[in-house]
Amino acid sequence: MSSKKICSKCRARVEPNWSVSGDEQMCKEAVEWIMIQMFSYGREKEDLVVDVQNKFGVQMKFECPKCKATISS
């Protein structure tokens, strides 16, 4: 389940870090749901962005672990 991306800022090929932002309780539920989707069903985290927004009303973000720039999914 490796989905490396090229960072547009530092040009490094990285596995982006992901996070969710929004309502604290909904973020907790979203993270739990994301983990289940990834590890139980083998879904890629990039494929969950729209589902997370629609189901929990929170934003899923990806960032470069080297320079902390936002990486689009």
PDB file of N, CA and C in Angstrom:
ATOM      1  N   MET A   1       0.833  -1.195   0.000  1.00  0.00           N
ATOM      2  CA  MET A   1       0.000   0.000   0.000  1.00  0.00           C
ATOM      3  C   MET A   1       0.879   1.260   0.000  1.00  0.00           C
ATOM      4  N   SER A   2       1.815   1.315  -0.916  1.00  0.00           N
ATOM      5  CA  SER A   2       2.680   2.485  -1.006  1.00  0.00           C
ATOM      6  C   SER A   2       2.163   3.405  -2.095  1.00  0.00           C
ATOM      7  N   SER A   3       1.882   4.631  -1.733  1.00  0.00           N
ATOM      8  CA  SER A   3       1.380   5.598  -2.705  1.00  0.00           C
ATOM      9  C   SER A   3       2.234   6.857  -2.622  1.00  0.00           C
ATOM     10  N   LYS A   4       3.452   6.747  -3.112  1.00  0.00           N
ATOM     11  CA  LYS A   4       4.379   7.876  -3.038  1.00  0.00           C
ATOM     12  C   LYS A   4       3.961   8.960  -4.012  1.00  0.00           C
ATOM     13  N   LYS A   5       4.189  10.191  -3.599  1.00  0.00           N
ATOM     14  CA  LYS A   5       3.872  11.374  -4.397  1.00  0.00           C
ATOM     15  C   LYS A   5       5.126  12.227  -4.499  1.00  0.00           C
ATOM     16  N   ILE A   6       5.150  13.076  -5.517  1.00  0.00           N
ATOM     17  CA  ILE A   6       6.231  14.050  -5.657  1.00  0.00           C
ATOM     18  C   ILE A   6       5.746  15.356  -5.031  1.00  0.00           C
ATOM     19  N   CYS A   7       6.492  15.866  -4.060  1.00  0.00           N
ATOM     20  CA  CYS A   7       6.140  17.135  -3.420  1.00  0.00           C
ATOM     21  C   CYS A   7       6.409  18.268  -4.404  1.00  0.00           C
ATOM     22  N   SER A   8       5.422  19.137  -4.602  1.00  0.00           N
ATOM     23  CA  SER A   8       5.586  20.237  -5.554  1.00  0.00           C
ATOM     24  C   SER A   8       6.529  21.318  -5.030  1.00  0.00           C
ATOM     25  N   LYS A   9       6.766  21.337  -3.719  1.00  0.00           N
ATOM     26  CA  LYS A   9       7.646  22.359  -3.143  1.00  0.00           C
ATOM     27  C   LYS A   9       9.110  21.904  -3.117  1.00  0.00           C
ATOM     28  N   CYS A  10       9.387  20.767  -2.484  1.00  0.00           N
ATOM     29  CA  CYS A  10      10.787  20.331  -2.344  1.00  0.00           C
ATOM     30  C   CYS A  10      11.182  19.257  -3.361  1.00  0.00           C
ATOM     31  N   ARG A  11      10.222  18.783  -4.163  1.00  0.00           N
ATOM     32  CA  ARG A  11      10.432  17.794  -5.229  1.00  0.00           C
ATOM     33  C   ARG A  11      10.850  16.411  -4.724  1.00  0.00           C
ATOM     34  N   ALA A  12      10.712  16.171  -3.441  1.00  0.00           N
ATOM     35  CA  ALA A  12      11.049  14.852  -2.887  1.00  0.00           C
ATOM     36  C   ALA A  12       9.936  13.861  -3.217  1.00  0.00           C
ATOM     37  N   ARG A  13      10.301  12.605  -3.393  1.00  0.00           N
ATOM     38  CA  ARG A  13       9.318  11.535  -3.597  1.00  0.00           C
ATOM     39  C   ARG A  13       9.026  10.968  -2.213  1.00  0.00           C
ATOM     40  N   VAL A  14       7.817  11.204  -1.720  1.00  0.00           N
ATOM     41  CA  VAL A  14       7.494  10.884  -0.331  1.00  0.00           C
ATOM     42  C   VAL A  14       6.170  10.144  -0.201  1.00  0.00           C
ATOM     43  N   GLU A  15       6.022   9.467   0.917  1.00  0.00           N
ATOM     44  CA  GLU A  15       4.736   8.906   1.346  1.00  0.00           C
ATOM     45  C   GLU A  15       4.117  10.002   2.206  1.00  0.00           C
ATOM     46  N   PRO A  16       3.073  10.698   1.718  1.00  0.00           N
ATOM     47  CA  PRO A  16       2.537  11.842   2.473  1.00  0.00           C
ATOM     48  C   PRO A  16       1.962  11.448   3.831  1.00  0.00           C
ATOM     49  N   ASN A  17       2.149  12.327   4.811  1.00  0.00           N
ATOM     50  CA  ASN A  17       1.468  12.193   6.094  1.00  0.00           C
ATOM     51  C   ASN A  17       0.037  12.658   5.873  1.00  0.00           C
ATOM     52  N   TRP A  18      -0.909  12.075   6.596  1.00  0.00           N
ATOM     53  CA  TRP A  18      -2.290  12.518   6.447  1.00  0.00           C
ATOM     54  C   TRP A  18      -2.851  12.921   7.793  1.00  0.00           C
ATOM     55  N   SER A  19      -3.856  13.795   7.739  1.00  0.00           N
ATOM     56  CA  SER A  19      -4.534  14.238   8.954  1.00  0.00           C
ATOM     57  C   SER A  19      -5.946  14.655   8.577  1.00  0.00           C
ATOM     58  N   VAL A  20      -6.778  14.828   9.582  1.00  0.00           N
ATOM     59  CA  VAL A  20      -8.125  15.345   9.359  1.00  0.00           C
ATOM     60  C   VAL A  20      -8.306  16.586  10.220  1.00  0.00           C
ATOM     61  N   SER A  21      -9.102  17.523   9.722  1.00  0.00           N
ATOM     62  CA  SER A  21      -9.355  18.740  10.491  1.00  0.00           C
ATOM     63  C   SER A  21     -10.828  19.090  10.415  1.00  0.00           C
ATOM     64  N   GLY A  22     -11.323  19.661  11.501  1.00  0.00           N
ATOM     65  CA  GLY A  22     -12.726  20.024  11.618  1.00  0.00           C
ATOM     66  C   GLY A  22     -13.191  19.764  13.039  1.00  0.00           C
ATOM     67  N   ASP A  23     -14.469  19.419  13.194  1.00  0.00           N
ATOM     68  CA  ASP A  23     -15.048  19.124  14.501  1.00  0.00           C
ATOM     69  C   ASP A  23     -14.268  17.992  15.180  1.00  0.00           C
ATOM     70  N   GLU A  24     -13.868  18.216  16.436  1.00  0.00           N
ATOM     71  CA  GLU A  24     -13.004  17.260  17.142  1.00  0.00           C
ATOM     72  C   GLU A  24     -13.604  15.857  17.218  1.00  0.00           C
ATOM     73  N   GLN A  25     -14.871  15.739  17.599  1.00  0.00           N
ATOM     74  CA  GLN A  25     -15.504  14.424  17.721  1.00  0.00           C
ATOM     75  C   GLN A  25     -15.615  13.740  16.365  1.00  0.00           C
ATOM     76  N   MET A  26     -15.991  14.509  15.344  1.00  0.00           N
ATOM     77  CA  MET A  26     -16.114  13.928  14.010  1.00  0.00           C
ATOM     78  C   MET A  26     -14.744  13.506  13.475  1.00  0.00           C
ATOM     79  N   CYS A  27     -13.698  14.249  13.829  1.00  0.00           N
ATOM     80  CA  CYS A  27     -12.335  13.875  13.418  1.00  0.00           C
ATOM     81  C   CYS A  27     -11.947  12.531  14.024  1.00  0.00           C
ATOM     82  N   LYS A  28     -12.267  12.328  15.305  1.00  0.00           N
ATOM     83  CA  LYS A  28     -11.953  11.061  15.967  1.00  0.00           C
ATOM     84  C   LYS A  28     -12.663   9.907  15.264  1.00  0.00           C
ATOM     85  N   GLU A  29     -13.948  10.104  14.961  1.00  0.00           N
ATOM     86  CA  GLU A  29     -14.713   9.065  14.276  1.00  0.00           C
ATOM     87  C   GLU A  29     -14.172   8.825  12.871  1.00  0.00           C
ATOM     88  N   ALA A  30     -13.796   9.905  12.190  1.00  0.00           N
ATOM     89  CA  ALA A  30     -13.266   9.786  10.830  1.00  0.00           C
ATOM     90  C   ALA A  30     -11.952   9.008  10.819  1.00  0.00           C
ATOM     91  N   VAL A  31     -11.055   9.302  11.762  1.00  0.00           N
ATOM     92  CA  VAL A  31      -9.764   8.604  11.821  1.00  0.00           C
ATOM     93  C   VAL A  31      -9.986   7.113  12.049  1.00  0.00           C
ATOM     94  N   GLU A  32     -10.888   6.773  12.947  1.00  0.00           N
ATOM     95  CA  GLU A  32     -11.193   5.363  13.215  1.00  0.00           C
ATOM     96  C   GLU A  32     -11.718   4.685  11.948  1.00  0.00           C
ATOM     97  N   TRP A  33     -12.647   5.357  11.253  1.00  0.00           N
ATOM     98  CA  TRP A  33     -13.236   4.820  10.027  1.00  0.00           C
ATOM     99  C   TRP A  33     -12.171   4.665   8.941  1.00  0.00           C
ATOM    100  N   ILE A  34     -11.290   5.666   8.798  1.00  0.00           N
ATOM    101  CA  ILE A  34     -10.221   5.618   7.794  1.00  0.00           C
ATOM    102  C   ILE A  34      -9.318   4.415   8.050  1.00  0.00           C
ATOM    103  N   MET A  35      -8.931   4.209   9.299  1.00  0.00           N
ATOM    104  CA  MET A  35      -8.051   3.086   9.636  1.00  0.00           C
ATOM    105  C   MET A  35      -8.714   1.753   9.285  1.00  0.00           C
ATOM    106  N   ILE A  36      -9.995   1.626   9.581  1.00  0.00           N
ATOM    107  CA  ILE A  36     -10.732   0.400   9.247  1.00  0.00           C
ATOM    108  C   ILE A  36     -10.749   0.202   7.733  1.00  0.00           C
ATOM    109  N   GLN A  37     -11.039   1.271   6.992  1.00  0.00           N
ATOM    110  CA  GLN A  37     -11.093   1.173   5.531  1.00  0.00           C
ATOM    111  C   GLN A  37      -9.738   0.758   4.948  1.00  0.00           C
ATOM    112  N   MET A  38      -8.666   1.324   5.488  1.00  0.00           N
ATOM    113  CA  MET A  38      -7.328   1.037   4.963  1.00  0.00           C
ATOM    114  C   MET A  38      -6.864  -0.374   5.319  1.00  0.00           C
ATOM    115  N   PHE A  39      -7.031  -0.763   6.576  1.00  0.00           N
ATOM    116  CA  PHE A  39      -6.444  -2.017   7.021  1.00  0.00           C
ATOM    117  C   PHE A  39      -7.375  -3.217   6.898  1.00  0.00           C
ATOM    118  N   SER A  40      -8.690  -3.009   6.986  1.00  0.00           N
ATOM    119  CA  SER A  40      -9.615  -4.133   6.849  1.00  0.00           C
ATOM    120  C   SER A  40     -10.042  -4.353   5.402  1.00  0.00           C
ATOM    121  N   TYR A  41     -10.158  -3.258   4.642  1.00  0.00           N
ATOM    122  CA  TYR A  41     -10.668  -3.362   3.276  1.00  0.00           C
ATOM    123  C   TYR A  41      -9.622  -3.047   2.216  1.00  0.00           C
ATOM    124  N   GLY A  42      -8.417  -2.655   2.623  1.00  0.00           N
ATOM    125  CA  GLY A  42      -7.342  -2.408   1.673  1.00  0.00           C
ATOM    126  C   GLY A  42      -7.514  -1.188   0.788  1.00  0.00           C
ATOM    127  N   ARG A  43      -8.334  -0.236   1.224  1.00  0.00           N
ATOM    128  CA  ARG A  43      -8.539   0.973   0.422  1.00  0.00           C
ATOM    129  C   ARG A  43      -7.363   1.932   0.606  1.00  0.00           C
ATOM    130  N   GLU A  44      -7.052   2.674  -0.431  1.00  0.00           N
ATOM    131  CA  GLU A  44      -5.988   3.685  -0.371  1.00  0.00           C
ATOM    132  C   GLU A  44      -6.533   4.935   0.301  1.00  0.00           C
ATOM    133  N   LYS A  45      -5.709   5.576   1.123  1.00  0.00           N
ATOM    134  CA  LYS A  45      -6.167   6.766   1.850  1.00  0.00           C
ATOM    135  C   LYS A  45      -6.585   7.892   0.911  1.00  0.00           C
ATOM    136  N   GLU A  46      -5.916   8.015  -0.241  1.00  0.00           N
ATOM    137  CA  GLU A  46      -6.291   9.060  -1.199  1.00  0.00           C
ATOM    138  C   GLU A  46      -7.700   8.860  -1.746  1.00  0.00           C
ATOM    139  N   ASP A  47      -8.172   7.624  -1.782  1.00  0.00           N
ATOM    140  CA  ASP A  47      -9.514   7.328  -2.286  1.00  0.00           C
ATOM    141  C   ASP A  47     -10.602   7.629  -1.260  1.00  0.00           C
ATOM    142  N   LEU A  48     -10.222   7.953  -0.038  1.00  0.00           N
ATOM    143  CA  LEU A  48     -11.193   8.162   1.039  1.00  0.00           C
ATOM    144  C   LEU A  48     -11.547   9.629   1.265  1.00  0.00           C
ATOM    145  N   VAL A  49     -10.861  10.564   0.582  1.00  0.00           N
ATOM    146  CA  VAL A  49     -11.034  11.996   0.837  1.00  0.00           C
ATOM    147  C   VAL A  49     -12.492  12.429   0.703  1.00  0.00           C
ATOM    148  N   VAL A  50     -13.137  12.079  -0.401  1.00  0.00           N
ATOM    149  CA  VAL A  50     -14.524  12.498  -0.638  1.00  0.00           C
ATOM    150  C   VAL A  50     -15.463  11.812   0.347  1.00  0.00           C
ATOM    151  N   ASP A  51     -15.243  10.522   0.604  1.00  0.00           N
ATOM    152  CA  ASP A  51     -16.082   9.797   1.565  1.00  0.00           C
ATOM    153  C   ASP A  51     -15.999  10.418   2.954  1.00  0.00           C
ATOM    154  N   VAL A  52     -14.794  10.805   3.374  1.00  0.00           N
ATOM    155  CA  VAL A  52     -14.605  11.421   4.692  1.00  0.00           C
ATOM    156  C   VAL A  52     -15.354  12.750   4.761  1.00  0.00           C
ATOM    157  N   GLN A  53     -15.241  13.554   3.700  1.00  0.00           N
ATOM    158  CA  GLN A  53     -15.939  14.845   3.655  1.00  0.00           C
ATOM    159  C   GLN A  53     -17.454  14.638   3.729  1.00  0.00           C
ATOM    160  N   ASN A  54     -17.977  13.712   2.935  1.00  0.00           N
ATOM    161  CA  ASN A  54     -19.426  13.483   2.886  1.00  0.00           C
ATOM    162  C   ASN A  54     -19.966  12.825   4.151  1.00  0.00           C
ATOM    163  N   LYS A  55     -19.243  11.862   4.690  1.00  0.00           N
ATOM    164  CA  LYS A  55     -19.726  11.083   5.834  1.00  0.00           C
ATOM    165  C   LYS A  55     -19.553  11.812   7.168  1.00  0.00           C
ATOM    166  N   PHE A  56     -18.432  12.537   7.327  1.00  0.00           N
ATOM    167  CA  PHE A  56     -18.120  13.146   8.623  1.00  0.00           C
ATOM    168  C   PHE A  56     -18.072  14.670   8.605  1.00  0.00           C
ATOM    169  N   GLY A  57     -18.047  15.276   7.422  1.00  0.00           N
ATOM    170  CA  GLY A  57     -17.991  16.732   7.324  1.00  0.00           C
ATOM    171  C   GLY A  57     -16.658  17.319   7.748  1.00  0.00           C
ATOM    172  N   VAL A  58     -15.584  16.540   7.651  1.00  0.00           N
ATOM    173  CA  VAL A  58     -14.249  17.029   7.999  1.00  0.00           C
ATOM    174  C   VAL A  58     -13.337  16.903   6.778  1.00  0.00           C
ATOM    175  N   GLN A  59     -12.260  17.667   6.786  1.00  0.00           N
ATOM    176  CA  GLN A  59     -11.313  17.682   5.671  1.00  0.00           C
ATOM    177  C   GLN A  59     -10.155  16.728   5.938  1.00  0.00           C
ATOM    178  N   MET A  60      -9.805  15.959   4.933  1.00  0.00           N
ATOM    179  CA  MET A  60      -8.643  15.083   5.010  1.00  0.00           C
ATOM    180  C   MET A  60      -7.520  15.765   4.234  1.00  0.00           C
ATOM    181  N   LYS A  61      -6.346  15.908   4.874  1.00  0.00           N
ATOM    182  CA  LYS A  61      -5.227  16.621   4.251  1.00  0.00           C
ATOM    183  C   LYS A  61      -3.994  15.731   4.204  1.00  0.00           C
ATOM    184  N   PHE A  62      -3.157  16.004   3.214  1.00  0.00           N
ATOM    185  CA  PHE A  62      -1.895  15.285   3.056  1.00  0.00           C
ATOM    186  C   PHE A  62      -0.769  16.305   3.040  1.00  0.00           C
ATOM    187  N   GLU A  63       0.342  15.980   3.724  1.00  0.00           N
ATOM    188  CA  GLU A  63       1.481  16.899   3.698  1.00  0.00           C
ATOM    189  C   GLU A  63       2.793  16.149   3.558  1.00  0.00           C
ATOM    190  N   CYS A  64       3.772  16.850   3.006  1.00  0.00           N
ATOM    191  CA  CYS A  64       5.111  16.298   2.813  1.00  0.00           C
ATOM    192  C   CYS A  64       5.780  16.147   4.180  1.00  0.00           C
ATOM    193  N   PRO A  65       6.301  14.957   4.495  1.00  0.00           N
ATOM    194  CA  PRO A  65       6.972  14.775   5.784  1.00  0.00           C
ATOM    195  C   PRO A  65       8.314  15.520   5.862  1.00  0.00           C
ATOM    196  N   LYS A  66       8.852  15.937   4.722  1.00  0.00           N
ATOM    197  CA  LYS A  66      10.142  16.638   4.720  1.00  0.00           C
ATOM    198  C   LYS A  66       9.983  18.138   4.897  1.00  0.00           C
ATOM    199  N   CYS A  67       9.129  18.773   4.075  1.00  0.00           N
ATOM    200  CA  CYS A  67       9.040  20.240   4.122  1.00  0.00           C
ATOM    201  C   CYS A  67       7.700  20.744   4.653  1.00  0.00           C
ATOM    202  N   LYS A  68       6.765  19.843   4.952  1.00  0.00           N
ATOM    203  CA  LYS A  68       5.450  20.158   5.522  1.00  0.00           C
ATOM    204  C   LYS A  68       4.508  20.876   4.555  1.00  0.00           C
ATOM    205  N   ALA A  69       4.831  20.899   3.267  1.00  0.00           N
ATOM    206  CA  ALA A  69       3.942  21.508   2.275  1.00  0.00           C
ATOM    207  C   ALA A  69       2.734  20.604   2.056  1.00  0.00           C
ATOM    208  N   THR A  70       1.592  21.199   1.743  1.00  0.00           N
ATOM    209  CA  THR A  70       0.383  20.432   1.452  1.00  0.00           C
ATOM    210  C   THR A  70       0.539  19.748   0.098  1.00  0.00           C
ATOM    211  N   ILE A  71       0.152  18.484   0.039  1.00  0.00           N
ATOM    212  CA  ILE A  71       0.209  17.702  -1.192  1.00  0.00           C
ATOM    213  C   ILE A  71      -1.217  17.369  -1.584  1.00  0.00           C
ATOM    214  N   SER A  72      -1.589  17.682  -2.816  1.00  0.00           N
ATOM    215  CA  SER A  72      -2.950  17.376  -3.252  1.00  0.00           C
ATOM    216  C   SER A  72      -3.074  15.880  -3.488  1.00  0.00           C
ATOM    217  N   SER A  73      -4.259  15.352  -3.204  1.00  0.00           N
ATOM    218  CA  SER A  73      -4.460  13.904  -3.289  1.00  0.00           C
ATOM    219  C   SER A  73      -4.681  13.447  -4.709  1.00  0.00           C
TER     220      SER A  73
END
